[in-house]
Amino acid sequence: MDWVQTPFLGAASRVWAMGLTFADHVRETGEKADAPVVFAKTCRPSLGGGHLHLPSQDALAQALFAVSPARQQRLAARRSSWPVLLDYEVELGMVLLDDWQIGQSMPRIGYVLVNDLTARSIQIAGLGVDDPAPYWSAAKGFVGFLPMSSRMGCPSEAEADAWPDTNLSTRVNGQLRQHSPLRNMLYTPLQVLAHAADHAPGHSLMRHDVVLTGTPAGIALQVPRWKRRLANCLPYEMAVHSAWRSQAACDRFLQAGDLVEVSADGFGALSSSIQGPV
C-alpha cells in the first residue's frame, strides 16, 4: 500500500456514512439490518485529532429542529435539558480518487482512519420514523465530529476490492472499548461503494467524496432488541425520554475530560480530547 497525504477535502467533497456493516454491531444496537443504513455526514473532516467540544443545549435543539420542528418542540416541552450521549466509532473511510458510477469496476481509492462521532440523543429522537437517516445525519453532523488521519493508504489495483488486513480499535482514557479485524465487515469495498452511490444524486460518487465504512461492536450505545420493541409501544415523548434516561445512566459515553483514541494497524492513531460546550 502506498502512503500519500490526504487530499484537501473542501466544501465540494461529500461524506457518505454507512451504518450497520458489522454483524456484532448490529446485534449490540438491537437494529434490523438487511442492508447498510446510508446517510450524509454534513460536518467537514478535520485532519488530525485535537480538542473536540460537546454540543451545547442550543446546538442540540437546533439540530433536531432542522430535522423535525414538531418533534423538537414536543421533547422540549417535557424536558428542558437533554443529554448529549457522545459516542465514538472507529472506522476506515474510502476517499474516491476518481468519479464513479454503479456498474463500473472498482475505482482508485485511498483509505483514511476516522472517528465517526455521534450525539446519540439526536439519533434516539428519531424513534419510530420510517426513514431514520436524517436523524442519524443530524446526530453525526456537529462541528468537529469527523477527525480524520492526514495521510492516506492507496491499495494497488489487485488489492482494491479487498479490505486491508488491519484491526480497528478504540480506547477511552486508555481502556480498550472496540477491537475487531476489518475483515469481519459484512460487505466488500465495491458493495459499500454501490450502497453509497445508490443514495447519491445520479447514483454517482465524485472524486474526493469520502465513504465511511462502518464500525464494529463496542460502542457506548447498547440497546437490547426487546427494548426497541417496548419503545414502539410507548407514546413518542415517553419512549424518547425513557431511552435518554436509560442511556445516560451508562458511564461509557464520552464526557468532558475524556481522551478517546481510535487506531488501525498500519494506519496510526487519532486522539481527541473532549472539552465542554463552548
Protein backbone atom coordinates (compact mmCIF):
# COMPACT_ATOMS: atom_id res chain seq x y z
CA MET A 1 0.00 0.00 0.00
CA ASP A 2 1.34 3.43 -0.96
CA TRP A 3 1.06 6.25 1.57
CA VAL A 4 0.30 9.84 0.49
CA GLN A 5 -1.11 12.96 2.13
CA THR A 6 -4.88 13.01 2.42
CA PRO A 7 -6.16 15.42 -0.27
CA PHE A 8 -7.80 18.69 0.70
CA LEU A 9 -11.45 17.92 1.37
CA GLY A 10 -13.31 21.18 0.87
CA ALA A 11 -16.95 22.17 0.64
CA ALA A 12 -17.37 20.30 -2.65
CA SER A 13 -16.45 16.97 -1.05
CA ARG A 14 -19.33 14.89 0.25
CA VAL A 15 -19.18 12.39 3.10
CA TRP A 16 -21.40 9.32 2.89
CA ALA A 17 -21.59 7.22 6.05
CA MET A 18 -22.52 3.56 6.44
CA GLY A 19 -24.28 2.14 9.46
CA LEU A 20 -24.73 -1.50 10.47
CA THR A 21 -21.97 -3.10 8.40
CA PHE A 22 -20.62 -5.40 11.15
CA ALA A 23 -22.85 -8.21 12.47
CA ASP A 24 -21.70 -7.77 16.09
CA HIS A 25 -22.53 -4.06 15.94
CA VAL A 26 -25.99 -4.81 14.54
CA ARG A 27 -26.65 -7.12 17.50
CA GLU A 28 -25.48 -4.66 20.18
CA THR A 29 -27.76 -1.89 18.87
CA GLY A 30 -30.84 -4.09 18.53
CA GLU A 31 -31.32 -2.91 14.96
CA LYS A 32 -32.56 -4.90 11.98
CA ALA A 33 -30.24 -4.71 9.00
CA ASP A 34 -30.93 -6.35 5.65
CA ALA A 35 -28.68 -3.69 4.12
CA PRO A 36 -26.49 -0.89 5.48
CA VAL A 37 -28.06 2.38 6.56
CA VAL A 38 -26.66 5.16 4.35
CA PHE A 39 -26.74 8.85 5.29
CA ALA A 40 -24.82 12.05 4.66
CA LYS A 41 -22.32 13.22 7.27
CA THR A 42 -22.62 17.00 7.00
CA CYS A 43 -19.64 18.22 9.04
CA ARG A 44 -16.29 18.79 7.35
CA PRO A 45 -13.44 16.38 8.10
CA SER A 46 -10.83 17.76 10.48
CA LEU A 47 -7.40 16.34 9.70
CA GLY A 48 -5.69 15.06 12.83
CA GLY A 49 -7.11 14.82 16.34
CA GLY A 50 -7.05 17.63 18.87
CA HIS A 51 -9.79 19.16 21.01
CA LEU A 52 -13.47 18.37 20.47
CA HIS A 53 -16.28 20.28 22.18
CA LEU A 54 -19.50 18.72 23.36
CA PRO A 55 -22.54 20.26 21.63
CA SER A 56 -24.39 22.87 23.70
CA GLN A 57 -28.07 22.57 24.57
CA ASP A 58 -28.85 25.18 21.92
CA ALA A 59 -26.89 23.23 19.32
CA LEU A 60 -28.77 20.02 20.16
CA ALA A 61 -32.13 21.77 19.93
CA GLN A 62 -31.23 23.45 16.64
CA ALA A 63 -30.03 20.18 15.11
CA LEU A 64 -33.28 18.41 15.95
CA PHE A 65 -35.39 21.42 14.92
CA ALA A 66 -33.78 21.31 11.47
CA VAL A 67 -34.99 17.73 11.05
CA SER A 68 -38.39 17.99 12.73
CA PRO A 69 -39.61 21.21 14.38
CA ALA A 70 -42.63 19.35 15.76
CA ARG A 71 -40.55 16.68 17.49
CA GLN A 72 -38.10 19.24 18.87
CA GLN A 73 -40.94 21.25 20.40
CA ARG A 74 -42.66 18.16 21.84
CA LEU A 75 -39.45 16.97 23.51
CA ALA A 76 -38.50 20.45 24.75
CA ALA A 77 -41.95 20.89 26.33
CA ARG A 78 -41.35 17.84 28.53
CA ARG A 79 -37.67 18.37 29.40
CA SER A 80 -35.53 21.50 29.09
CA SER A 81 -32.11 19.81 29.41
CA TRP A 82 -31.10 16.95 27.13
CA PRO A 83 -28.16 14.57 27.42
CA VAL A 84 -25.60 14.61 24.61
CA LEU A 85 -24.70 10.90 24.78
CA LEU A 86 -21.48 11.42 22.82
CA ASP A 87 -20.36 8.16 21.26
CA TYR A 88 -17.24 7.04 19.38
CA GLU A 89 -16.94 4.87 16.25
CA VAL A 90 -13.60 3.80 14.83
CA GLU A 91 -13.81 3.33 11.06
CA LEU A 92 -11.86 3.39 7.84
CA GLY A 93 -13.02 5.83 5.22
CA MET A 94 -12.61 5.38 1.48
CA VAL A 95 -11.58 8.53 -0.40
CA LEU A 96 -12.60 8.42 -4.07
CA LEU A 97 -9.74 9.33 -6.38
CA ASP A 98 -11.94 9.17 -9.49
CA ASP A 99 -15.58 9.83 -10.28
CA TRP A 100 -17.55 6.58 -10.13
CA GLN A 101 -20.99 5.19 -11.01
CA ILE A 102 -22.77 1.97 -10.07
CA GLY A 103 -21.87 -0.78 -12.53
CA GLN A 104 -18.31 0.37 -13.11
CA SER A 105 -15.31 -1.57 -11.89
CA MET A 106 -13.57 -0.69 -8.63
CA PRO A 107 -12.25 2.88 -8.78
CA ARG A 108 -8.95 4.16 -7.40
CA ILE A 109 -9.38 4.82 -3.69
CA GLY A 110 -7.40 5.74 -0.62
CA TYR A 111 -8.09 4.65 2.94
CA VAL A 112 -8.13 7.05 5.89
CA LEU A 113 -8.66 6.44 9.61
CA VAL A 114 -11.65 8.27 11.11
CA ASN A 115 -13.67 8.62 14.30
CA ASP A 116 -17.34 8.90 13.32
CA LEU A 117 -18.62 10.67 16.44
CA THR A 118 -22.33 10.76 17.29
CA ALA A 119 -24.66 12.62 19.65
CA ARG A 120 -26.91 9.63 20.31
CA SER A 121 -29.62 11.80 21.90
CA ILE A 122 -30.47 13.21 18.47
CA GLN A 123 -30.38 9.78 16.85
CA ILE A 124 -32.74 8.46 19.55
CA ALA A 125 -35.13 11.35 18.80
CA GLY A 126 -35.86 9.60 15.51
CA LEU A 127 -37.60 6.68 17.22
CA GLY A 128 -40.49 5.31 15.18
CA VAL A 129 -39.82 7.11 11.89
CA ASP A 130 -39.85 5.23 8.59
CA ASP A 131 -36.58 6.85 7.48
CA PRO A 132 -34.10 7.38 10.34
CA ALA A 133 -31.30 8.65 8.06
CA PRO A 134 -31.98 12.40 8.64
CA TYR A 135 -31.73 11.86 12.41
CA TRP A 136 -28.51 9.86 12.04
CA SER A 137 -27.11 12.62 9.84
CA ALA A 138 -28.06 15.35 12.33
CA ALA A 139 -26.62 13.35 15.24
CA LYS A 140 -23.29 13.00 13.44
CA GLY A 141 -23.08 16.45 11.86
CA PHE A 142 -21.80 18.70 14.66
CA VAL A 143 -18.59 20.66 14.17
CA GLY A 144 -15.53 18.51 14.88
CA PHE A 145 -17.41 15.21 14.69
CA LEU A 146 -15.15 13.74 11.97
CA PRO A 147 -11.46 13.58 12.97
CA MET A 148 -9.55 12.09 10.03
CA SER A 149 -5.96 10.96 9.50
CA SER A 150 -3.77 13.31 7.49
CA ARG A 151 -2.24 10.51 5.45
CA MET A 152 -3.97 8.04 3.18
CA GLY A 153 -3.12 4.48 2.18
CA CYS A 154 -3.67 3.71 -1.50
CA PRO A 155 -4.03 -0.01 -2.36
CA SER A 156 -2.80 -1.45 -5.62
CA GLU A 157 -5.32 -2.32 -8.33
CA ALA A 158 -5.10 -6.00 -7.35
CA GLU A 159 -5.93 -5.17 -3.70
CA ALA A 160 -8.68 -2.66 -4.46
CA ASP A 161 -11.76 -4.85 -3.80
CA ALA A 162 -10.34 -6.47 -0.66
CA TRP A 163 -10.23 -4.88 2.78
CA PRO A 164 -6.80 -4.06 4.19
CA ASP A 165 -5.50 -6.64 6.69
CA THR A 166 -5.92 -4.46 9.77
CA ASN A 167 -7.62 -4.37 13.17
CA LEU A 168 -9.79 -1.45 14.26
CA SER A 169 -9.51 -0.30 17.89
CA THR A 170 -10.85 2.39 20.20
CA ARG A 171 -9.53 3.30 23.64
CA VAL A 172 -11.14 5.75 26.06
CA ASN A 173 -8.79 7.01 28.78
CA GLY A 174 -6.59 4.04 27.92
CA GLN A 175 -9.37 1.43 28.27
CA LEU A 176 -9.93 -0.76 25.21
CA ARG A 177 -13.55 -0.41 24.00
CA GLN A 178 -13.51 -1.62 20.39
CA HIS A 179 -11.24 -4.16 18.71
CA SER A 180 -12.09 -6.08 15.56
CA PRO A 181 -10.49 -7.20 12.29
CA LEU A 182 -11.75 -5.19 9.35
CA ARG A 183 -12.27 -8.49 7.52
CA ASN A 184 -15.34 -9.05 9.75
CA MET A 185 -17.17 -6.49 7.59
CA LEU A 186 -20.38 -7.89 6.05
CA TYR A 187 -19.76 -6.27 2.65
CA THR A 188 -16.89 -5.91 0.17
CA PRO A 189 -15.42 -2.49 -0.68
CA LEU A 190 -17.23 -2.49 -4.04
CA GLN A 191 -20.54 -3.33 -2.36
CA VAL A 192 -20.07 -0.49 0.14
CA LEU A 193 -19.42 1.96 -2.69
CA ALA A 194 -22.51 0.72 -4.53
CA HIS A 195 -24.71 1.25 -1.44
CA ALA A 196 -23.33 4.78 -1.04
CA ALA A 197 -23.78 5.63 -4.72
CA ASP A 198 -27.34 4.31 -4.65
CA HIS A 199 -28.18 7.18 -2.25
CA ALA A 200 -26.18 9.85 -4.09
CA PRO A 201 -27.62 12.15 -6.77
CA GLY A 202 -27.40 10.45 -10.14
CA HIS A 203 -26.20 7.25 -8.42
CA SER A 204 -22.69 8.66 -8.77
CA LEU A 205 -19.81 9.32 -6.42
CA MET A 206 -17.43 12.18 -7.12
CA ARG A 207 -13.68 12.48 -6.86
CA HIS A 208 -12.72 13.30 -3.25
CA ASP A 209 -16.05 12.05 -1.85
CA VAL A 210 -15.48 10.08 1.35
CA VAL A 211 -17.37 6.88 2.18
CA LEU A 212 -17.23 5.85 5.85
CA THR A 213 -17.41 2.08 6.02
CA GLY A 214 -18.99 1.45 9.44
CA THR A 215 -17.85 0.41 12.90
CA PRO A 216 -17.61 -2.87 14.83
CA ALA A 217 -19.11 -3.64 18.24
CA GLY A 218 -18.02 -1.92 21.43
CA ILE A 219 -19.67 1.50 21.15
CA ALA A 220 -21.27 3.11 24.20
CA LEU A 221 -24.84 2.71 22.91
CA GLN A 222 -26.24 -0.70 23.86
CA VAL A 223 -29.89 -1.49 23.11
CA PRO A 224 -31.35 -4.99 23.52
CA ARG A 225 -33.89 -5.74 20.83
CA TRP A 226 -36.65 -6.15 23.44
CA LYS A 227 -36.15 -2.53 24.47
CA ARG A 228 -36.69 -1.41 20.88
CA ARG A 229 -39.91 -3.40 20.74
CA LEU A 230 -41.05 -1.87 24.04
CA ALA A 231 -40.28 1.65 22.81
CA ASN A 232 -42.60 1.10 19.86
CA CYS A 233 -45.48 0.55 22.30
CA LEU A 234 -44.96 3.81 24.22
CA PRO A 235 -46.07 7.35 23.33
CA TYR A 236 -43.32 9.17 21.45
CA GLU A 237 -42.20 11.60 24.16
CA MET A 238 -42.23 8.88 26.82
CA ALA A 239 -40.21 6.50 24.62
CA VAL A 240 -37.51 9.07 23.83
CA HIS A 241 -37.14 10.41 27.37
CA SER A 242 -37.07 6.88 28.75
CA ALA A 243 -34.32 5.95 26.29
CA TRP A 244 -32.36 9.11 27.12
CA ARG A 245 -32.62 8.37 30.84
CA SER A 246 -31.59 4.74 30.39
CA GLN A 247 -28.58 5.57 28.19
CA ALA A 248 -27.48 8.50 30.40
CA ALA A 249 -27.04 6.00 33.25
CA CYS A 250 -24.28 4.30 31.21
CA ASP A 251 -20.75 5.50 32.03
CA ARG A 252 -19.35 4.58 28.60
CA PHE A 253 -20.45 7.76 26.81
CA LEU A 254 -17.78 10.42 26.38
CA GLN A 255 -17.61 13.27 28.88
CA ALA A 256 -15.57 16.46 29.19
CA GLY A 257 -12.05 15.50 30.22
CA ASP A 258 -12.03 12.16 28.41
CA LEU A 259 -9.38 11.21 25.86
CA VAL A 260 -10.60 8.98 23.02
CA GLU A 261 -8.13 7.31 20.66
CA VAL A 262 -9.02 5.35 17.54
CA SER A 263 -6.41 3.32 15.69
CA ALA A 264 -5.87 0.72 12.99
CA ASP A 265 -2.78 -1.39 12.40
CA GLY A 266 -0.65 0.36 9.81
CA PHE A 267 -2.83 3.48 9.83
CA GLY A 268 -1.65 5.05 13.08
CA ALA A 269 -3.94 6.63 15.63
CA LEU A 270 -6.16 9.68 16.14
CA SER A 271 -6.61 11.17 19.61
CA SER A 272 -9.35 13.61 20.61
CA SER A 273 -9.59 15.41 23.93
CA ILE A 274 -13.22 16.01 24.89
CA GLN A 275 -13.99 19.53 26.10
CA GLY A 276 -17.16 21.12 27.50
CA PRO A 277 -19.55 23.15 25.31
CA VAL A 278 -18.31 26.50 24.02
